[in-house]
Amino acid sequence: SANYADLAEMYLADNTYDVGTVLMVGGDKEVTACQVGSRAVGPVSEKPAHLMNSQLEGGTPIALKGRVPVKITGSVIKGQRLVAGPNGTAQAAMGNADVFAIALGSSDDTDVKVIEVVVL
C-alpha cells in the first residue's frame, strides 16, 4: 500500500520544472520540456508512491505510470487521450499517435491549467 499513486523514475533535466510539466527526451541533459509533435516521456511527479533510480544526484522525478497532476493546454474532456503539447504541457489527442495519458477531469478553459490524469 502507498499514500500516493504513481510510479516515477529520476532523469537528468536541462532545467528545473514545476510539478505537472510534461517532459520528452532531449535538451542538454536527458530530458527537456515537450513540444507539439514530440513523444512525451511523462510529467514531473510531486510525490511518487515508488521512485526508481532515487539516488540520481540532481534528478527530476518523472511519472511513468499512475495518477498525477499534469499541465494541459486547451480544453479537455474526461476520458480524452492526451499527447505532448506546447511548452511542457499536454493537449487532447486528435488520433492515437504518441498518447501518454488519459484525462480524469474536464475543463473548458483554453489556457494552461492542471488536471489529474492517468499516465499509461
N, C-alpha and C. Protein backbone atom coordinates (compact mmCIF):
# COMPACT_ATOMS: atom_id res chain seq x y z
N SER A 1 0.85 -1.18 0.00
CA SER A 1 0.00 0.00 0.00
C SER A 1 0.89 1.24 0.00
N ALA A 2 0.35 2.35 -0.52
CA ALA A 2 1.10 3.60 -0.59
C ALA A 2 0.14 4.77 -0.47
N ASN A 3 0.65 5.91 0.00
CA ASN A 3 -0.17 7.11 0.13
C ASN A 3 -0.35 7.84 -1.20
N TYR A 4 0.53 7.59 -2.15
CA TYR A 4 0.49 8.31 -3.42
C TYR A 4 0.28 7.33 -4.56
N ALA A 5 0.08 7.83 -5.79
CA ALA A 5 -0.47 6.95 -6.82
C ALA A 5 0.32 6.87 -8.12
N ASP A 6 1.64 7.10 -8.08
CA ASP A 6 2.36 6.93 -9.34
C ASP A 6 3.72 6.26 -9.13
N LEU A 7 4.18 5.66 -10.22
CA LEU A 7 5.50 5.05 -10.31
C LEU A 7 6.35 6.04 -11.09
N ALA A 8 7.45 6.51 -10.52
CA ALA A 8 8.29 7.50 -11.18
C ALA A 8 9.73 7.03 -11.22
N GLU A 9 10.49 7.65 -12.12
CA GLU A 9 11.93 7.39 -12.24
C GLU A 9 12.64 8.72 -12.35
N MET A 10 13.83 8.79 -11.78
CA MET A 10 14.63 10.01 -11.84
C MET A 10 15.37 10.10 -13.17
N TYR A 11 15.32 11.30 -13.79
CA TYR A 11 16.05 11.60 -15.02
C TYR A 11 16.74 12.94 -14.83
N LEU A 12 17.83 13.17 -15.55
CA LEU A 12 18.51 14.46 -15.52
C LEU A 12 17.81 15.40 -16.50
N ALA A 13 17.31 16.51 -15.97
CA ALA A 13 16.60 17.50 -16.78
C ALA A 13 17.50 18.69 -17.07
N ASP A 14 17.26 19.36 -18.18
CA ASP A 14 18.07 20.51 -18.57
C ASP A 14 17.67 21.79 -17.85
N ASN A 15 16.66 21.71 -17.00
CA ASN A 15 16.16 22.88 -16.28
C ASN A 15 15.40 22.39 -15.06
N THR A 16 14.98 23.31 -14.20
CA THR A 16 14.10 22.97 -13.08
C THR A 16 12.67 23.15 -13.58
N TYR A 17 11.85 22.11 -13.43
CA TYR A 17 10.48 22.15 -13.94
C TYR A 17 9.47 21.97 -12.81
N ASP A 18 8.33 22.67 -12.94
CA ASP A 18 7.24 22.55 -11.98
C ASP A 18 6.59 21.18 -12.08
N VAL A 19 5.95 20.77 -10.99
CA VAL A 19 5.15 19.54 -10.98
C VAL A 19 4.11 19.64 -12.08
N GLY A 20 3.93 18.55 -12.82
CA GLY A 20 2.93 18.51 -13.88
C GLY A 20 3.45 18.91 -15.25
N THR A 21 4.68 19.43 -15.32
CA THR A 21 5.28 19.76 -16.62
C THR A 21 5.59 18.47 -17.36
N VAL A 22 5.21 18.39 -18.62
CA VAL A 22 5.41 17.19 -19.42
C VAL A 22 6.78 17.27 -20.09
N LEU A 23 7.58 16.20 -19.92
CA LEU A 23 8.94 16.18 -20.45
C LEU A 23 9.10 15.16 -21.56
N MET A 24 10.12 15.40 -22.41
CA MET A 24 10.47 14.49 -23.50
C MET A 24 11.99 14.29 -23.47
N VAL A 25 12.48 13.29 -24.17
CA VAL A 25 13.92 13.09 -24.29
C VAL A 25 14.47 14.21 -25.15
N GLY A 26 15.55 14.86 -24.67
CA GLY A 26 16.17 15.94 -25.43
C GLY A 26 16.77 16.99 -24.53
N GLY A 27 17.24 18.07 -25.12
CA GLY A 27 17.88 19.13 -24.37
C GLY A 27 19.34 18.82 -24.10
N ASP A 28 19.94 19.59 -23.21
CA ASP A 28 21.36 19.43 -22.88
C ASP A 28 21.63 18.23 -22.00
N LYS A 29 20.60 17.69 -21.35
CA LYS A 29 20.77 16.52 -20.48
C LYS A 29 19.93 15.39 -21.04
N GLU A 30 19.20 14.65 -20.19
CA GLU A 30 18.39 13.53 -20.69
C GLU A 30 17.01 13.96 -21.17
N VAL A 31 16.39 14.91 -20.43
CA VAL A 31 15.02 15.32 -20.74
C VAL A 31 14.88 16.84 -20.73
N THR A 32 13.83 17.30 -21.44
CA THR A 32 13.51 18.72 -21.53
C THR A 32 11.99 18.85 -21.68
N ALA A 33 11.47 20.08 -21.63
CA ALA A 33 10.03 20.32 -21.79
C ALA A 33 9.58 19.86 -23.17
N CYS A 34 8.45 19.16 -23.23
CA CYS A 34 7.95 18.64 -24.51
C CYS A 34 7.43 19.77 -25.39
N GLN A 35 7.30 19.46 -26.66
CA GLN A 35 6.73 20.37 -27.65
C GLN A 35 5.72 19.59 -28.48
N VAL A 36 4.84 20.28 -29.18
CA VAL A 36 3.86 19.64 -30.04
C VAL A 36 4.58 18.73 -31.04
N GLY A 37 4.07 17.52 -31.18
CA GLY A 37 4.65 16.56 -32.12
C GLY A 37 5.73 15.69 -31.53
N SER A 38 6.17 15.97 -30.31
CA SER A 38 7.20 15.15 -29.67
C SER A 38 6.55 13.96 -28.96
N ARG A 39 7.36 13.01 -28.54
CA ARG A 39 6.90 11.84 -27.78
C ARG A 39 7.16 12.12 -26.32
N ALA A 40 6.13 12.31 -25.53
CA ALA A 40 6.26 12.60 -24.10
C ALA A 40 6.76 11.38 -23.34
N VAL A 41 7.71 11.60 -22.43
CA VAL A 41 8.15 10.55 -21.50
C VAL A 41 7.16 10.50 -20.35
N GLY A 42 6.77 11.67 -19.83
CA GLY A 42 5.82 11.76 -18.73
C GLY A 42 5.94 13.09 -18.03
N PRO A 43 5.05 13.35 -17.06
CA PRO A 43 5.07 14.61 -16.32
C PRO A 43 5.95 14.52 -15.08
N VAL A 44 6.39 15.69 -14.62
CA VAL A 44 7.14 15.77 -13.37
C VAL A 44 6.21 15.36 -12.23
N SER A 45 6.66 14.41 -11.42
CA SER A 45 5.87 13.89 -10.31
C SER A 45 6.12 14.70 -9.04
N GLU A 46 5.07 14.86 -8.24
CA GLU A 46 5.21 15.59 -6.97
C GLU A 46 5.61 14.66 -5.83
N LYS A 47 4.88 13.58 -5.67
CA LYS A 47 5.11 12.64 -4.56
C LYS A 47 4.88 11.22 -5.05
N PRO A 48 5.87 10.64 -5.72
CA PRO A 48 5.67 9.28 -6.25
C PRO A 48 5.50 8.24 -5.14
N ALA A 49 4.65 7.27 -5.40
CA ALA A 49 4.47 6.15 -4.47
C ALA A 49 5.71 5.28 -4.49
N HIS A 50 6.33 5.15 -5.66
CA HIS A 50 7.57 4.39 -5.81
C HIS A 50 8.48 5.17 -6.73
N LEU A 51 9.73 5.41 -6.31
CA LEU A 51 10.69 6.19 -7.08
C LEU A 51 11.89 5.34 -7.44
N MET A 52 12.03 5.06 -8.73
CA MET A 52 13.18 4.28 -9.21
C MET A 52 14.36 5.21 -9.47
N ASN A 53 15.57 4.67 -9.37
CA ASN A 53 16.80 5.43 -9.59
C ASN A 53 16.87 6.63 -8.65
N SER A 54 16.38 6.44 -7.43
CA SER A 54 16.22 7.54 -6.47
C SER A 54 17.53 8.19 -6.04
N GLN A 55 18.65 7.53 -6.24
CA GLN A 55 19.94 8.07 -5.82
C GLN A 55 20.59 8.97 -6.87
N LEU A 56 19.92 9.17 -8.01
CA LEU A 56 20.49 10.00 -9.07
C LEU A 56 20.60 11.44 -8.59
N GLU A 57 21.81 11.92 -8.48
CA GLU A 57 22.06 13.26 -7.99
C GLU A 57 21.57 14.30 -9.00
N GLY A 58 20.74 15.24 -8.54
CA GLY A 58 20.23 16.30 -9.40
C GLY A 58 19.11 15.86 -10.33
N GLY A 59 18.54 14.68 -10.05
CA GLY A 59 17.50 14.15 -10.92
C GLY A 59 16.13 14.78 -10.70
N THR A 60 15.27 14.62 -11.70
CA THR A 60 13.89 15.08 -11.66
C THR A 60 12.98 13.85 -11.74
N PRO A 61 12.03 13.68 -10.81
CA PRO A 61 11.16 12.50 -10.86
C PRO A 61 10.09 12.64 -11.95
N ILE A 62 10.05 11.68 -12.86
CA ILE A 62 9.07 11.68 -13.95
C ILE A 62 8.13 10.51 -13.76
N ALA A 63 6.83 10.81 -13.73
CA ALA A 63 5.81 9.77 -13.58
C ALA A 63 5.74 8.94 -14.86
N LEU A 64 5.90 7.62 -14.71
CA LEU A 64 5.84 6.71 -15.85
C LEU A 64 4.52 5.94 -15.89
N LYS A 65 3.87 5.80 -14.75
CA LYS A 65 2.58 5.12 -14.63
C LYS A 65 1.83 5.72 -13.46
N GLY A 66 0.50 5.69 -13.53
CA GLY A 66 -0.31 6.07 -12.39
C GLY A 66 -1.01 7.41 -12.53
N ARG A 67 -1.54 7.88 -11.41
CA ARG A 67 -2.39 9.08 -11.33
C ARG A 67 -1.56 10.26 -10.84
N VAL A 68 -1.52 11.33 -11.66
CA VAL A 68 -0.73 12.52 -11.33
C VAL A 68 -1.37 13.78 -11.90
N PRO A 69 -1.03 14.96 -11.35
CA PRO A 69 -1.47 16.21 -11.96
C PRO A 69 -0.59 16.53 -13.16
N VAL A 70 -1.20 17.07 -14.23
CA VAL A 70 -0.48 17.41 -15.45
C VAL A 70 -0.94 18.77 -15.96
N LYS A 71 0.00 19.56 -16.46
CA LYS A 71 -0.33 20.84 -17.09
C LYS A 71 -0.91 20.53 -18.48
N ILE A 72 -2.07 21.12 -18.77
CA ILE A 72 -2.74 20.88 -20.05
C ILE A 72 -3.07 22.21 -20.71
N THR A 73 -2.83 22.29 -22.01
CA THR A 73 -3.20 23.45 -22.81
C THR A 73 -4.44 23.11 -23.62
N GLY A 74 -5.41 24.01 -23.62
CA GLY A 74 -6.64 23.79 -24.37
C GLY A 74 -7.68 23.07 -23.56
N SER A 75 -8.89 23.01 -24.09
CA SER A 75 -9.97 22.33 -23.38
C SER A 75 -9.74 20.82 -23.41
N VAL A 76 -10.31 20.15 -22.43
CA VAL A 76 -10.16 18.70 -22.31
C VAL A 76 -11.42 18.12 -21.70
N ILE A 77 -11.76 16.92 -22.11
CA ILE A 77 -12.93 16.22 -21.59
C ILE A 77 -12.46 14.95 -20.90
N LYS A 78 -13.03 14.68 -19.75
CA LYS A 78 -12.69 13.47 -19.01
C LYS A 78 -12.74 12.27 -19.95
N GLY A 79 -11.69 11.46 -19.92
CA GLY A 79 -11.61 10.28 -20.77
C GLY A 79 -10.84 10.51 -22.07
N GLN A 80 -10.54 11.78 -22.38
CA GLN A 80 -9.78 12.03 -23.61
C GLN A 80 -8.35 11.57 -23.48
N ARG A 81 -7.80 11.09 -24.60
CA ARG A 81 -6.39 10.71 -24.66
C ARG A 81 -5.56 11.99 -24.79
N LEU A 82 -4.37 11.98 -24.19
CA LEU A 82 -3.50 13.16 -24.20
C LEU A 82 -2.18 12.87 -24.88
N VAL A 83 -1.65 13.89 -25.56
CA VAL A 83 -0.35 13.83 -26.22
C VAL A 83 0.45 15.06 -25.80
N ALA A 84 1.72 15.10 -26.20
CA ALA A 84 2.58 16.25 -25.91
C ALA A 84 1.99 17.50 -26.55
N GLY A 85 1.99 18.58 -25.79
CA GLY A 85 1.51 19.87 -26.26
C GLY A 85 2.64 20.88 -26.26
N PRO A 86 2.32 22.16 -26.34
CA PRO A 86 3.35 23.20 -26.37
C PRO A 86 3.96 23.47 -24.99
N ASN A 87 5.25 23.78 -24.98
CA ASN A 87 5.95 24.29 -23.80
C ASN A 87 5.75 23.48 -22.53
N GLY A 88 5.92 22.16 -22.62
CA GLY A 88 5.85 21.32 -21.43
C GLY A 88 4.45 21.03 -20.93
N THR A 89 3.46 21.14 -21.81
CA THR A 89 2.08 20.82 -21.43
C THR A 89 1.60 19.63 -22.26
N ALA A 90 0.45 19.11 -21.90
CA ALA A 90 -0.22 18.08 -22.69
C ALA A 90 -1.39 18.74 -23.40
N GLN A 91 -1.94 18.07 -24.40
CA GLN A 91 -3.15 18.54 -25.08
C GLN A 91 -3.95 17.33 -25.53
N ALA A 92 -5.23 17.55 -25.78
CA ALA A 92 -6.10 16.47 -26.23
C ALA A 92 -5.59 15.92 -27.56
N ALA A 93 -5.60 14.59 -27.68
CA ALA A 93 -5.11 13.92 -28.89
C ALA A 93 -6.17 13.97 -29.98
N MET A 94 -5.72 14.12 -31.21
CA MET A 94 -6.61 14.08 -32.37
C MET A 94 -6.63 12.69 -32.98
N GLY A 95 -5.70 11.84 -32.59
CA GLY A 95 -5.61 10.47 -33.08
C GLY A 95 -5.04 9.60 -31.98
N ASN A 96 -4.45 8.50 -32.34
CA ASN A 96 -3.88 7.59 -31.35
C ASN A 96 -2.37 7.71 -31.22
N ALA A 97 -1.72 8.46 -32.09
CA ALA A 97 -0.26 8.53 -32.09
C ALA A 97 0.29 9.17 -30.82
N ASP A 98 1.29 8.53 -30.23
CA ASP A 98 2.04 9.05 -29.09
C ASP A 98 1.21 9.45 -27.87
N VAL A 99 0.09 8.79 -27.64
CA VAL A 99 -0.73 9.04 -26.46
C VAL A 99 0.03 8.56 -25.23
N PHE A 100 0.10 9.40 -24.18
CA PHE A 100 0.82 9.01 -22.97
C PHE A 100 -0.05 9.02 -21.72
N ALA A 101 -1.28 9.55 -21.83
CA ALA A 101 -2.13 9.65 -20.63
C ALA A 101 -3.59 9.80 -21.03
N ILE A 102 -4.48 9.68 -20.02
CA ILE A 102 -5.92 9.88 -20.19
C ILE A 102 -6.39 10.84 -19.11
N ALA A 103 -7.16 11.85 -19.51
CA ALA A 103 -7.66 12.85 -18.57
C ALA A 103 -8.68 12.24 -17.61
N LEU A 104 -8.57 12.58 -16.33
CA LEU A 104 -9.53 12.14 -15.32
C LEU A 104 -10.52 13.25 -14.96
N GLY A 105 -10.36 14.41 -15.59
CA GLY A 105 -11.26 15.53 -15.34
C GLY A 105 -11.50 16.29 -16.62
N SER A 106 -12.38 17.28 -16.57
CA SER A 106 -12.72 18.09 -17.73
C SER A 106 -12.51 19.56 -17.42
N SER A 107 -12.28 20.36 -18.47
CA SER A 107 -12.18 21.81 -18.32
C SER A 107 -12.43 22.48 -19.67
N ASP A 108 -13.25 23.53 -19.68
CA ASP A 108 -13.49 24.33 -20.88
C ASP A 108 -12.46 25.44 -21.03
N ASP A 109 -11.66 25.66 -20.00
CA ASP A 109 -10.64 26.70 -20.00
C ASP A 109 -9.59 26.38 -21.07
N THR A 110 -9.34 27.31 -21.99
CA THR A 110 -8.38 27.06 -23.06
C THR A 110 -6.95 27.44 -22.67
N ASP A 111 -6.78 28.12 -21.52
CA ASP A 111 -5.44 28.44 -21.03
C ASP A 111 -4.82 27.22 -20.39
N VAL A 112 -3.57 27.35 -19.95
CA VAL A 112 -2.88 26.26 -19.25
C VAL A 112 -3.51 26.08 -17.88
N LYS A 113 -3.82 24.84 -17.54
CA LYS A 113 -4.38 24.50 -16.23
C LYS A 113 -3.85 23.14 -15.83
N VAL A 114 -4.06 22.72 -14.58
CA VAL A 114 -3.60 21.42 -14.11
C VAL A 114 -4.82 20.52 -13.93
N ILE A 115 -4.77 19.34 -14.55
CA ILE A 115 -5.83 18.35 -14.48
C ILE A 115 -5.21 17.02 -14.05
N GLU A 116 -5.91 16.27 -13.24
CA GLU A 116 -5.40 14.95 -12.87
C GLU A 116 -5.60 14.00 -14.05
N VAL A 117 -4.57 13.17 -14.29
CA VAL A 117 -4.60 12.23 -15.41
C VAL A 117 -4.11 10.87 -14.94
N VAL A 118 -4.29 9.87 -15.80
CA VAL A 118 -3.69 8.55 -15.60
C VAL A 118 -2.62 8.40 -16.67
N VAL A 119 -1.37 8.25 -16.24
CA VAL A 119 -0.27 8.04 -17.19
C VAL A 119 -0.27 6.59 -17.58
N LEU A 120 -0.25 6.34 -18.88
CA LEU A 120 -0.28 4.97 -19.40
C LEU A 120 1.11 4.44 -19.39
